[in-house]
Structures are given as structure tokens and as C-alpha cells.
Amino acid sequence: MTTPTTSASVPEGWREDNRAMWDERVPVHVAGEYYDLDGFRAHPDVLRDFETAEVGDVTGKSLLHLQCHLGTDTLSWVRRGAARVVGLDFSAPAVEAARALAAGLGHGPECAAFVTGDVYDAAGTVPEPSYDIVYTGLGALCWLPDIRRWAETAASLVAPGGFLYLAEFHPLTESLDDETGTRVVRDYFRREAAVWEEPGSYADRGAATVHNRSVEWQHTLGDVVSALAATGLRIEFLHEHDVSLFPRFENFEVRDGYHRFPAGHPRIPLIYSLKATKG
């Protein structure tokens, strides 16, 4: 992993840089093997087993997916029985790709709608004022500088009796060495923005790209849980998982469809998930 430079808490132009980076990578992701959209069309369900177990039965429910990218996770909830899903993303090309994917599966906007907008402005962008489930998938929070504002926005969109479900990469992993995941080499409590200059994509390292600057933030587990608790949502559970969805460390092995440390390697949390309900 390339070492990022650090900058002021919110560097000027961060949103524009991130959007340009994501916009450019949408065609790479649509055409590549990583998302395997042809395979998804044949079997439109890419949800992880722990997610479906923890979220439970979604039959007849409405679900809002914040930062949905191509909409594969969003549309998987339709396959699982959700009556209506809405996906929001700040990348217009990603939203167009998601709409095309939904249409190809026979889902019109009354069943699966996708809208372009900033997550902080979601309350004024998505079509309904609230949803039974507000869902955020892996790799989303690092793109947001203000986790409290995110929590307030997400909580405002949860319908009474509904809940927010979050699955995210564990922040501890960003503090460890990239080779073995056994040594602390970076500050877990870093508040500065990390500014990256990296060509390609996690989905295709060799992709030719121009917009390579991106800005990310690290949010501790305590920051995320405290931000959600402060909104009045009730934390039902916080689970930690010893599996990952990508080769975060060089010594990872793939077993049972997940990336894991080799047998005998001390285990650490690689992903966490939580559920928070609104009374």
C-alpha cells in the first residue's frame, strides 16, 4: 500500500477530487471482473452471510442504501424480498450504471430507484422522508470528513420502529503493517485527512486513469458508535468479524469466499457491523 500524505482536516477541493476519481473508475468497474456484472445479472445477490443474518427478513420493507456505487448490494436486497430500495451516490455515472443494472433485471423506479446526491444532503435528495432500513455497506465512511453529520443525516432517515445497519472495514486494520498485520505502524487516532495519489483501482490495479487524487479520513470505532448514539438511536449490537472482502494484508489467504489470515496467525477484527434502532 502506498503511504499517503496528510493534510488539513478538510483539504480544499476534497469532494471534487473524490467525485472525479470515482466517476472515472465507474467504466472500469462496470466492465471488469471484480464486480462481474454479467454474473450478478444471472444471480443478483452479493450480500455477505453475516449481513443477511444480522439484518434479518426484509420482506415488504423499504430500504435506503447510502453511498451505493453501482447498486449491486442495493439490488441484492430486492432479491431478498425488500418491497422498495433506494440507492444514493454522489457519482452520476455510478447512478446511471445502477439504473441500467436495475432495468436489466426488470426493476422499475417504483421498486428500485437510484438518485445522485451528496450523502450529507440525503434528506433533501431521496424520494421518501424515511425508510424501514437505512443501510451502509463496506468502504463508505472513509470518504466522509464529519462522522457526526453523517450519523445525524442517516438517523433522520430511519422510520420510527426501523433501524440503521452498518457494515464497515475495521479501523484497526489501517494501523497495522501491510505485510503481516502484526505491527502497529500508523496512528489509530489520526484525525488528519489522508491524501492519496494512486492510479488504477482496487478492482483493476492496472487500469489507466487520470484522476488519481483522493482524500480519505479514518474514523475510530468509538467515534462511529458515539456519533450514532448521540442521535438517539439505540445500539442493538456491535459485532466484529475476522474476515475481509479484499486482500488487505499480503499474507491473506482465501477460504470460504473470504480473505483471512493463515491458520495459526493471531486473529484481529477485520470488519465490524452494527444495528441501531429508532423507537
C-alpha atoms as a PDB file:
ATOM      1  CA  MET A   1       0.000   0.000   0.000  1.00  0.00           C
ATOM      2  CA  THR A   2       1.288   3.443  -0.901  1.00  0.00           C
ATOM      3  CA  THR A   3       1.828   5.746   2.074  1.00  0.00           C
ATOM      4  CA  PRO A   4      -0.482   8.787   1.877  1.00  0.00           C
ATOM      5  CA  THR A   5       0.443  12.328   2.648  1.00  0.00           C
ATOM      6  CA  THR A   6      -1.506  14.067   5.397  1.00  0.00           C
ATOM      7  CA  SER A   7      -3.192  17.406   5.080  1.00  0.00           C
ATOM      8  CA  ALA A   8      -5.512  19.750   6.926  1.00  0.00           C
ATOM      9  CA  SER A   9      -8.648  18.162   8.321  1.00  0.00           C
ATOM     10  CA  VAL A  10     -10.711  19.076   5.246  1.00  0.00           C
ATOM     11  CA  PRO A  11      -8.467  19.902   2.257  1.00  0.00           C
ATOM     12  CA  GLU A  12      -9.863  22.318  -0.296  1.00  0.00           C
ATOM     13  CA  GLY A  13     -11.469  20.550  -3.242  1.00  0.00           C
ATOM     14  CA  TRP A  14     -11.695  17.178  -1.487  1.00  0.00           C
ATOM     15  CA  ARG A  15     -15.225  16.432  -2.683  1.00  0.00           C
ATOM     16  CA  GLU A  16     -14.478  17.368  -6.282  1.00  0.00           C
ATOM     17  CA  ASP A  17     -11.304  15.256  -6.289  1.00  0.00           C
ATOM     18  CA  ASN A  18     -13.108  12.243  -4.859  1.00  0.00           C
ATOM     19  CA  ARG A  19     -16.003  12.586  -7.273  1.00  0.00           C
ATOM     20  CA  ALA A  20     -13.686  12.858 -10.287  1.00  0.00           C
ATOM     21  CA  MET A  21     -11.795   9.789  -9.106  1.00  0.00           C
ATOM     22  CA  TRP A  22     -14.964   7.720  -8.673  1.00  0.00           C
ATOM     23  CA  ASP A  23     -16.573   8.973 -11.895  1.00  0.00           C
ATOM     24  CA  GLU A  24     -13.540   7.877 -13.898  1.00  0.00           C
ATOM     25  CA  ARG A  25     -13.494   4.414 -12.328  1.00  0.00           C
ATOM     26  CA  VAL A  26     -17.143   3.579 -12.966  1.00  0.00           C
ATOM     27  CA  PRO A  27     -16.496   2.259 -16.525  1.00  0.00           C
ATOM     28  CA  VAL A  28     -13.581   0.203 -15.179  1.00  0.00           C
ATOM     29  CA  HIS A  29     -15.834  -1.340 -12.539  1.00  0.00           C
ATOM     30  CA  VAL A  30     -18.740  -1.895 -14.935  1.00  0.00           C
ATOM     31  CA  ALA A  31     -16.569  -3.738 -17.456  1.00  0.00           C
ATOM     32  CA  GLY A  32     -14.248  -5.599 -15.081  1.00  0.00           C
ATOM     33  CA  GLU A  33     -14.231  -8.981 -13.395  1.00  0.00           C
ATOM     34  CA  TYR A  34     -14.225  -7.601  -9.851  1.00  0.00           C
ATOM     35  CA  TYR A  35     -17.924  -6.671  -9.873  1.00  0.00           C
ATOM     36  CA  ASP A  36     -18.742  -9.309 -12.525  1.00  0.00           C
ATOM     37  CA  LEU A  37     -21.984  -7.665 -13.569  1.00  0.00           C
ATOM     38  CA  ASP A  38     -22.796 -10.468 -16.006  1.00  0.00           C
ATOM     39  CA  GLY A  39     -22.601 -12.910 -13.126  1.00  0.00           C
ATOM     40  CA  PHE A  40     -24.676 -10.566 -10.991  1.00  0.00           C
ATOM     41  CA  ARG A  41     -27.400 -10.405 -13.631  1.00  0.00           C
ATOM     42  CA  ALA A  42     -27.565 -14.208 -13.556  1.00  0.00           C
ATOM     43  CA  HIS A  43     -27.657 -14.332  -9.757  1.00  0.00           C
ATOM     44  CA  PRO A  44     -28.349 -10.860  -8.296  1.00  0.00           C
ATOM     45  CA  ASP A  45     -27.263 -11.390  -4.712  1.00  0.00           C
ATOM     46  CA  VAL A  46     -23.803 -10.420  -3.464  1.00  0.00           C
ATOM     47  CA  LEU A  47     -24.625  -9.840   0.204  1.00  0.00           C
ATOM     48  CA  ARG A  48     -22.378 -11.368   2.832  1.00  0.00           C
ATOM     49  CA  ASP A  49     -23.803 -14.122   5.019  1.00  0.00           C
ATOM     50  CA  PHE A  50     -23.303 -12.143   8.225  1.00  0.00           C
ATOM     51  CA  GLU A  51     -25.169  -9.166   6.752  1.00  0.00           C
ATOM     52  CA  THR A  52     -28.242 -11.136   5.778  1.00  0.00           C
ATOM     53  CA  ALA A  53     -28.284 -12.896   9.158  1.00  0.00           C
ATOM     54  CA  GLU A  54     -27.953  -9.643  11.103  1.00  0.00           C
ATOM     55  CA  VAL A  55     -30.403  -7.587   9.047  1.00  0.00           C
ATOM     56  CA  GLY A  56     -32.944 -10.380   9.037  1.00  0.00           C
ATOM     57  CA  ASP A  57     -36.076 -10.674   6.942  1.00  0.00           C
ATOM     58  CA  VAL A  58     -36.598  -7.628   4.718  1.00  0.00           C
ATOM     59  CA  THR A  59     -39.775  -8.867   3.043  1.00  0.00           C
ATOM     60  CA  GLY A  60     -42.112  -5.980   2.325  1.00  0.00           C
ATOM     61  CA  LYS A  61     -39.774  -3.366   3.783  1.00  0.00           C
ATOM     62  CA  SER A  62     -38.290  -0.188   2.335  1.00  0.00           C
ATOM     63  CA  LEU A  63     -34.507   0.202   2.338  1.00  0.00           C
ATOM     64  CA  LEU A  64     -32.245   3.161   1.655  1.00  0.00           C
ATOM     65  CA  HIS A  65     -28.646   2.438   0.687  1.00  0.00           C
ATOM     66  CA  LEU A  66     -26.330   5.399   1.239  1.00  0.00           C
ATOM     67  CA  GLN A  67     -23.212   5.564  -0.979  1.00  0.00           C
ATOM     68  CA  CYS A  68     -24.438   2.733  -3.169  1.00  0.00           C
ATOM     69  CA  HIS A  69     -21.889   2.888  -6.039  1.00  0.00           C
ATOM     70  CA  LEU A  70     -23.080   0.513  -8.815  1.00  0.00           C
ATOM     71  CA  GLY A  71     -26.077  -0.677  -6.806  1.00  0.00           C
ATOM     72  CA  THR A  72     -25.186  -4.373  -6.596  1.00  0.00           C
ATOM     73  CA  ASP A  73     -25.708  -4.513  -2.827  1.00  0.00           C
ATOM     74  CA  THR A  74     -28.829  -2.351  -3.160  1.00  0.00           C
ATOM     75  CA  LEU A  75     -30.405  -4.639  -5.727  1.00  0.00           C
ATOM     76  CA  SER A  76     -29.432  -7.712  -3.730  1.00  0.00           C
ATOM     77  CA  TRP A  77     -31.903  -6.594  -1.068  1.00  0.00           C
ATOM     78  CA  VAL A  78     -34.652  -6.686  -3.717  1.00  0.00           C
ATOM     79  CA  ARG A  79     -33.710 -10.300  -4.379  1.00  0.00           C
ATOM     80  CA  ARG A  80     -34.023 -10.840  -0.628  1.00  0.00           C
ATOM     81  CA  GLY A  81     -37.595  -9.513  -0.617  1.00  0.00           C
ATOM     82  CA  ALA A  82     -37.424  -5.761   0.000  1.00  0.00           C
ATOM     83  CA  ALA A  83     -40.514  -4.042  -1.394  1.00  0.00           C
ATOM     84  CA  ARG A  84     -38.637  -0.888  -2.384  1.00  0.00           C
ATOM     85  CA  VAL A  85     -34.996   0.115  -2.386  1.00  0.00           C
ATOM     86  CA  VAL A  86     -33.411   3.496  -2.997  1.00  0.00           C
ATOM     87  CA  GLY A  87     -29.722   3.928  -3.669  1.00  0.00           C
ATOM     88  CA  LEU A  88     -27.913   7.244  -3.343  1.00  0.00           C
ATOM     89  CA  ASP A  89     -24.434   8.065  -4.619  1.00  0.00           C
ATOM     90  CA  PHE A  90     -22.590  11.277  -5.437  1.00  0.00           C
ATOM     91  CA  SER A  91     -21.232   9.875  -8.710  1.00  0.00           C
ATOM     92  CA  ALA A  92     -23.672  10.443 -11.570  1.00  0.00           C
ATOM     93  CA  PRO A  93     -22.041   7.772 -13.784  1.00  0.00           C
ATOM     94  CA  ALA A  94     -22.372   5.253 -10.933  1.00  0.00           C
ATOM     95  CA  VAL A  95     -26.050   6.093 -10.534  1.00  0.00           C
ATOM     96  CA  GLU A  96     -26.624   5.697 -14.279  1.00  0.00           C
ATOM     97  CA  ALA A  97     -24.902   2.313 -14.165  1.00  0.00           C
ATOM     98  CA  ALA A  98     -27.083   1.278 -11.218  1.00  0.00           C
ATOM     99  CA  ARG A  99     -30.242   2.351 -13.023  1.00  0.00           C
ATOM    100  CA  ALA A 100     -29.223   0.369 -16.102  1.00  0.00           C
ATOM    101  CA  LEU A 101     -28.482  -2.668 -13.968  1.00  0.00           C
ATOM    102  CA  ALA A 102     -31.872  -2.399 -12.261  1.00  0.00           C
ATOM    103  CA  ALA A 103     -33.676  -2.010 -15.567  1.00  0.00           C
ATOM    104  CA  GLY A 104     -31.889  -5.046 -16.967  1.00  0.00           C
ATOM    105  CA  LEU A 105     -33.192  -7.064 -14.031  1.00  0.00           C
ATOM    106  CA  GLY A 106     -36.727  -5.840 -14.682  1.00  0.00           C
ATOM    107  CA  HIS A 107     -36.909  -3.451 -11.733  1.00  0.00           C
ATOM    108  CA  GLY A 108     -38.523  -0.098 -12.449  1.00  0.00           C
ATOM    109  CA  PRO A 109     -38.022   3.000 -10.278  1.00  0.00           C
ATOM    110  CA  GLU A 110     -41.106   2.155  -8.234  1.00  0.00           C
ATOM    111  CA  CYS A 111     -39.168  -0.874  -6.955  1.00  0.00           C
ATOM    112  CA  ALA A 112     -35.540   0.230  -7.239  1.00  0.00           C
ATOM    113  CA  ALA A 113     -34.752   3.927  -7.560  1.00  0.00           C
ATOM    114  CA  PHE A 114     -31.290   5.468  -7.765  1.00  0.00           C
ATOM    115  CA  VAL A 115     -30.563   9.142  -7.175  1.00  0.00           C
ATOM    116  CA  THR A 116     -27.470  11.315  -7.447  1.00  0.00           C
ATOM    117  CA  GLY A 117     -26.575  13.359  -4.400  1.00  0.00           C
ATOM    118  CA  ASP A 118     -24.141  14.001  -1.596  1.00  0.00           C
ATOM    119  CA  VAL A 119     -24.735  11.789   1.425  1.00  0.00           C
ATOM    120  CA  TYR A 120     -24.825  14.830   3.718  1.00  0.00           C
ATOM    121  CA  ASP A 121     -27.744  16.167   1.664  1.00  0.00           C
ATOM    122  CA  ALA A 122     -29.585  12.848   1.501  1.00  0.00           C
ATOM    123  CA  ALA A 123     -32.612  14.006   3.486  1.00  0.00           C
ATOM    124  CA  GLY A 124     -33.441  16.535   0.774  1.00  0.00           C
ATOM    125  CA  THR A 125     -32.498  14.273  -2.126  1.00  0.00           C
ATOM    126  CA  VAL A 126     -34.071  10.846  -1.638  1.00  0.00           C
ATOM    127  CA  PRO A 127     -37.741  10.440  -2.609  1.00  0.00           C
ATOM    128  CA  GLU A 128     -39.209   9.416   0.775  1.00  0.00           C
ATOM    129  CA  PRO A 129     -38.773  11.088   4.157  1.00  0.00           C
ATOM    130  CA  SER A 130     -37.902   7.832   5.941  1.00  0.00           C
ATOM    131  CA  TYR A 131     -37.209   4.131   5.418  1.00  0.00           C
ATOM    132  CA  ASP A 132     -37.622   0.944   7.402  1.00  0.00           C
ATOM    133  CA  ILE A 133     -33.914   0.222   6.951  1.00  0.00           C
ATOM    134  CA  VAL A 134     -31.047   2.602   6.273  1.00  0.00           C
ATOM    135  CA  TYR A 135     -28.080   0.576   5.067  1.00  0.00           C
ATOM    136  CA  THR A 136     -24.440   1.480   4.527  1.00  0.00           C
ATOM    137  CA  GLY A 137     -22.019  -1.065   3.103  1.00  0.00           C
ATOM    138  CA  LEU A 138     -18.313  -1.669   3.266  1.00  0.00           C
ATOM    139  CA  GLY A 139     -15.819   1.041   2.351  1.00  0.00           C
ATOM    140  CA  ALA A 140     -18.143   4.045   2.662  1.00  0.00           C
ATOM    141  CA  LEU A 141     -17.296   6.002   5.800  1.00  0.00           C
ATOM    142  CA  CYS A 142     -13.665   6.706   4.939  1.00  0.00           C
ATOM    143  CA  TRP A 143     -14.814   9.180   2.268  1.00  0.00           C
ATOM    144  CA  LEU A 144     -16.593  11.413   4.802  1.00  0.00           C
ATOM    145  CA  PRO A 145     -14.823  14.026   6.945  1.00  0.00           C
ATOM    146  CA  ASP A 146     -17.610  14.579   9.501  1.00  0.00           C
ATOM    147  CA  ILE A 147     -18.894  11.352  11.034  1.00  0.00           C
ATOM    148  CA  ARG A 148     -21.310  13.146  13.382  1.00  0.00           C
ATOM    149  CA  ARG A 149     -23.011  14.896  10.490  1.00  0.00           C
ATOM    150  CA  TRP A 150     -23.237  11.569   8.667  1.00  0.00           C
ATOM    151  CA  ALA A 151     -24.822   9.927  11.715  1.00  0.00           C
ATOM    152  CA  GLU A 152     -27.365  12.736  12.125  1.00  0.00           C
ATOM    153  CA  THR A 153     -28.332  12.512   8.449  1.00  0.00           C
ATOM    154  CA  ALA A 154     -28.598   8.728   8.441  1.00  0.00           C
ATOM    155  CA  ALA A 155     -30.597   8.645  11.680  1.00  0.00           C
ATOM    156  CA  SER A 156     -33.047  11.257  10.382  1.00  0.00           C
ATOM    157  CA  LEU A 157     -33.946   8.907   7.538  1.00  0.00           C
ATOM    158  CA  VAL A 158     -34.797   5.917   9.732  1.00  0.00           C
ATOM    159  CA  ALA A 159     -38.541   5.464  10.139  1.00  0.00           C
ATOM    160  CA  PRO A 160     -39.968   5.009  13.666  1.00  0.00           C
ATOM    161  CA  GLY A 161     -39.538   1.348  14.528  1.00  0.00           C
ATOM    162  CA  GLY A 162     -36.900   0.983  11.830  1.00  0.00           C
ATOM    163  CA  PHE A 163     -33.162   0.649  12.071  1.00  0.00           C
ATOM    164  CA  LEU A 164     -29.802   1.585  10.630  1.00  0.00           C
ATOM    165  CA  TYR A 165     -27.442  -1.223   9.667  1.00  0.00           C
ATOM    166  CA  LEU A 166     -23.775  -0.571   9.012  1.00  0.00           C
ATOM    167  CA  ALA A 167     -21.065  -2.975   7.864  1.00  0.00           C
ATOM    168  CA  GLU A 168     -17.615  -1.449   7.531  1.00  0.00           C
ATOM    169  CA  PHE A 169     -13.921  -2.292   7.415  1.00  0.00           C
ATOM    170  CA  HIS A 170     -12.480  -2.213  10.919  1.00  0.00           C
ATOM    171  CA  PRO A 171     -10.334   0.905  11.516  1.00  0.00           C
ATOM    172  CA  LEU A 172      -7.745  -1.142  13.405  1.00  0.00           C
ATOM    173  CA  THR A 173      -6.562  -2.640  10.119  1.00  0.00           C
ATOM    174  CA  GLU A 174      -5.394   0.780   8.906  1.00  0.00           C
ATOM    175  CA  SER A 175      -2.921   0.995  11.803  1.00  0.00           C
ATOM    176  CA  LEU A 176      -1.088  -2.247  11.008  1.00  0.00           C
ATOM    177  CA  ASP A 177       1.749  -3.117   8.651  1.00  0.00           C
ATOM    178  CA  ASP A 178       0.624  -4.155   5.178  1.00  0.00           C
ATOM    179  CA  GLU A 179       2.770  -7.275   5.022  1.00  0.00           C
ATOM    180  CA  THR A 180       1.692  -9.305   8.045  1.00  0.00           C
ATOM    181  CA  GLY A 181      -0.835  -7.263  10.033  1.00  0.00           C
ATOM    182  CA  THR A 182       1.131  -7.821  13.223  1.00  0.00           C
ATOM    183  CA  ARG A 183       2.853  -4.475  13.851  1.00  0.00           C
ATOM    184  CA  VAL A 184       1.308  -1.100  14.673  1.00  0.00           C
ATOM    185  CA  VAL A 185       2.873   1.320  12.185  1.00  0.00           C
ATOM    186  CA  ARG A 186       0.237   4.051  11.834  1.00  0.00           C
ATOM    187  CA  ASP A 187      -1.713   6.174  14.290  1.00  0.00           C
ATOM    188  CA  TYR A 188      -5.148   4.709  15.060  1.00  0.00           C
ATOM    189  CA  PHE A 189      -6.357   8.107  16.278  1.00  0.00           C
ATOM    190  CA  ARG A 190      -5.215  10.054  13.216  1.00  0.00           C
ATOM    191  CA  ARG A 191      -7.595  12.931  12.523  1.00  0.00           C
ATOM    192  CA  GLU A 192      -5.812  14.450   9.525  1.00  0.00           C
ATOM    193  CA  ALA A 193      -7.031  13.740   6.033  1.00  0.00           C
ATOM    194  CA  ALA A 194      -5.030  11.181   4.081  1.00  0.00           C
ATOM    195  CA  VAL A 195      -4.381  12.381   0.533  1.00  0.00           C
ATOM    196  CA  TRP A 196      -3.604   9.658  -1.984  1.00  0.00           C
ATOM    197  CA  GLU A 197      -2.149   9.828  -5.488  1.00  0.00           C
ATOM    198  CA  GLU A 198      -2.751   6.375  -6.918  1.00  0.00           C
ATOM    199  CA  PRO A 199      -3.518   5.261 -10.482  1.00  0.00           C
ATOM    200  CA  GLY A 200      -5.755   2.310 -11.176  1.00  0.00           C
ATOM    201  CA  SER A 201      -8.466   0.912  -8.945  1.00  0.00           C
ATOM    202  CA  TYR A 202      -8.885  -1.698  -6.245  1.00  0.00           C
ATOM    203  CA  ALA A 203     -10.923  -3.504  -8.920  1.00  0.00           C
ATOM    204  CA  ASP A 204      -8.166  -3.278 -11.549  1.00  0.00           C
ATOM    205  CA  ARG A 205      -4.714  -2.186 -10.398  1.00  0.00           C
ATOM    206  CA  GLY A 206      -3.514  -1.813 -13.975  1.00  0.00           C
ATOM    207  CA  ALA A 207      -6.350   0.399 -15.231  1.00  0.00           C
ATOM    208  CA  ALA A 208      -5.168   3.562 -16.977  1.00  0.00           C
ATOM    209  CA  THR A 209      -6.545   6.516 -15.033  1.00  0.00           C
ATOM    210  CA  VAL A 210      -6.021  10.280 -14.928  1.00  0.00           C
ATOM    211  CA  HIS A 211      -7.947  11.445 -11.862  1.00  0.00           C
ATOM    212  CA  ASN A 212      -5.798   9.790  -9.224  1.00  0.00           C
ATOM    213  CA  ARG A 213      -6.041  12.155  -6.258  1.00  0.00           C
ATOM    214  CA  SER A 214      -8.384  11.108  -3.467  1.00  0.00           C
ATOM    215  CA  VAL A 215      -8.934  12.183   0.122  1.00  0.00           C
ATOM    216  CA  GLU A 216      -9.935   9.882   2.991  1.00  0.00           C
ATOM    217  CA  TRP A 217     -10.468  10.038   6.742  1.00  0.00           C
ATOM    218  CA  GLN A 218     -10.085   7.435   9.450  1.00  0.00           C
ATOM    219  CA  HIS A 219     -12.911   7.106  11.973  1.00  0.00           C
ATOM    220  CA  THR A 220     -12.328   5.095  15.120  1.00  0.00           C
ATOM    221  CA  LEU A 221     -14.862   2.550  16.264  1.00  0.00           C
ATOM    222  CA  GLY A 222     -15.620   4.763  19.256  1.00  0.00           C
ATOM    223  CA  ASP A 223     -16.251   7.761  17.008  1.00  0.00           C
ATOM    224  CA  VAL A 224     -18.789   5.892  14.890  1.00  0.00           C
ATOM    225  CA  VAL A 225     -20.684   4.301  17.772  1.00  0.00           C
ATOM    226  CA  SER A 226     -20.734   7.531  19.789  1.00  0.00           C
ATOM    227  CA  ALA A 227     -21.950   9.542  16.796  1.00  0.00           C
ATOM    228  CA  LEU A 228     -24.875   7.186  16.258  1.00  0.00           C
ATOM    229  CA  ALA A 229     -25.719   7.010  19.964  1.00  0.00           C
ATOM    230  CA  ALA A 230     -25.806  10.811  20.111  1.00  0.00           C
ATOM    231  CA  THR A 231     -28.625  10.861  17.540  1.00  0.00           C
ATOM    232  CA  GLY A 232     -30.918   8.957  19.894  1.00  0.00           C
ATOM    233  CA  LEU A 233     -30.716   5.672  18.020  1.00  0.00           C
ATOM    234  CA  ARG A 234     -30.396   2.646  20.299  1.00  0.00           C
ATOM    235  CA  ILE A 235     -27.363   0.484  19.560  1.00  0.00           C
ATOM    236  CA  GLU A 236     -28.684  -3.085  19.398  1.00  0.00           C
ATOM    237  CA  PHE A 237     -25.345  -4.756  18.728  1.00  0.00           C
ATOM    238  CA  LEU A 238     -21.774  -4.199  17.621  1.00  0.00           C
ATOM    239  CA  HIS A 239     -20.151  -7.261  16.088  1.00  0.00           C
ATOM    240  CA  GLU A 240     -16.565  -7.759  14.935  1.00  0.00           C
ATOM    241  CA  HIS A 241     -15.618 -10.259  12.236  1.00  0.00           C
ATOM    242  CA  ASP A 242     -12.274 -11.910  11.479  1.00  0.00           C
ATOM    243  CA  VAL A 243     -12.817 -11.973   7.698  1.00  0.00           C
ATOM    244  CA  SER A 244     -12.353  -9.410   4.936  1.00  0.00           C
ATOM    245  CA  LEU A 245     -13.527  -8.918   1.366  1.00  0.00           C
ATOM    246  CA  PHE A 246     -10.194  -7.928  -0.125  1.00  0.00           C
ATOM    247  CA  PRO A 247      -6.501  -8.818   0.379  1.00  0.00           C
ATOM    248  CA  ARG A 248      -5.789  -6.083   2.898  1.00  0.00           C
ATOM    249  CA  PHE A 249      -2.615  -7.819   4.103  1.00  0.00           C
ATOM    250  CA  GLU A 250      -0.086  -9.559   1.892  1.00  0.00           C
ATOM    251  CA  ASN A 251      -0.271 -12.835   3.839  1.00  0.00           C
ATOM    252  CA  PHE A 252      -4.029 -13.240   3.479  1.00  0.00           C
ATOM    253  CA  GLU A 253      -5.482 -16.477   2.145  1.00  0.00           C
ATOM    254  CA  VAL A 254      -8.912 -17.001   0.589  1.00  0.00           C
ATOM    255  CA  ARG A 255     -11.097 -19.541   2.374  1.00  0.00           C
ATOM    256  CA  ASP A 256     -14.880 -19.933   2.206  1.00  0.00           C
ATOM    257  CA  GLY A 257     -15.112 -16.900  -0.057  1.00  0.00           C
ATOM    258  CA  TYR A 258     -13.401 -14.538   2.399  1.00  0.00           C
ATOM    259  CA  HIS A 259      -9.883 -13.187   2.808  1.00  0.00           C
ATOM    260  CA  ARG A 260      -8.375 -14.378   6.083  1.00  0.00           C
ATOM    261  CA  PHE A 261      -5.077 -14.635   7.906  1.00  0.00           C
ATOM    262  CA  PRO A 262      -3.293 -18.000   7.596  1.00  0.00           C
ATOM    263  CA  ALA A 263      -4.103 -20.718  10.116  1.00  0.00           C
ATOM    264  CA  GLY A 264      -2.297 -20.073  13.383  1.00  0.00           C
ATOM    265  CA  HIS A 265      -1.962 -16.318  12.779  1.00  0.00           C
ATOM    266  CA  PRO A 266      -3.353 -14.272  15.702  1.00  0.00           C
ATOM    267  CA  ARG A 267      -6.800 -13.071  14.686  1.00  0.00           C
ATOM    268  CA  ILE A 268      -7.931  -9.452  14.805  1.00  0.00           C
ATOM    269  CA  PRO A 269     -11.217  -7.797  13.779  1.00  0.00           C
ATOM    270  CA  LEU A 270     -11.208  -7.019  10.052  1.00  0.00           C
ATOM    271  CA  ILE A 271     -14.839  -5.931   9.624  1.00  0.00           C
ATOM    272  CA  TYR A 272     -17.405  -4.654  12.096  1.00  0.00           C
ATOM    273  CA  SER A 273     -21.168  -4.418  11.848  1.00  0.00           C
ATOM    274  CA  LEU A 274     -23.791  -2.709  13.964  1.00  0.00           C
ATOM    275  CA  LYS A 275     -27.508  -2.218  14.189  1.00  0.00           C
ATOM    276  CA  ALA A 276     -29.150   0.845  15.716  1.00  0.00           C
ATOM    277  CA  THR A 277     -32.929   1.186  16.089  1.00  0.00           C
ATOM    278  CA  LYS A 278     -35.301   4.129  16.324  1.00  0.00           C
ATOM    279  CA  GLY A 279     -38.068   3.843  18.898  1.00  0.00           C
END
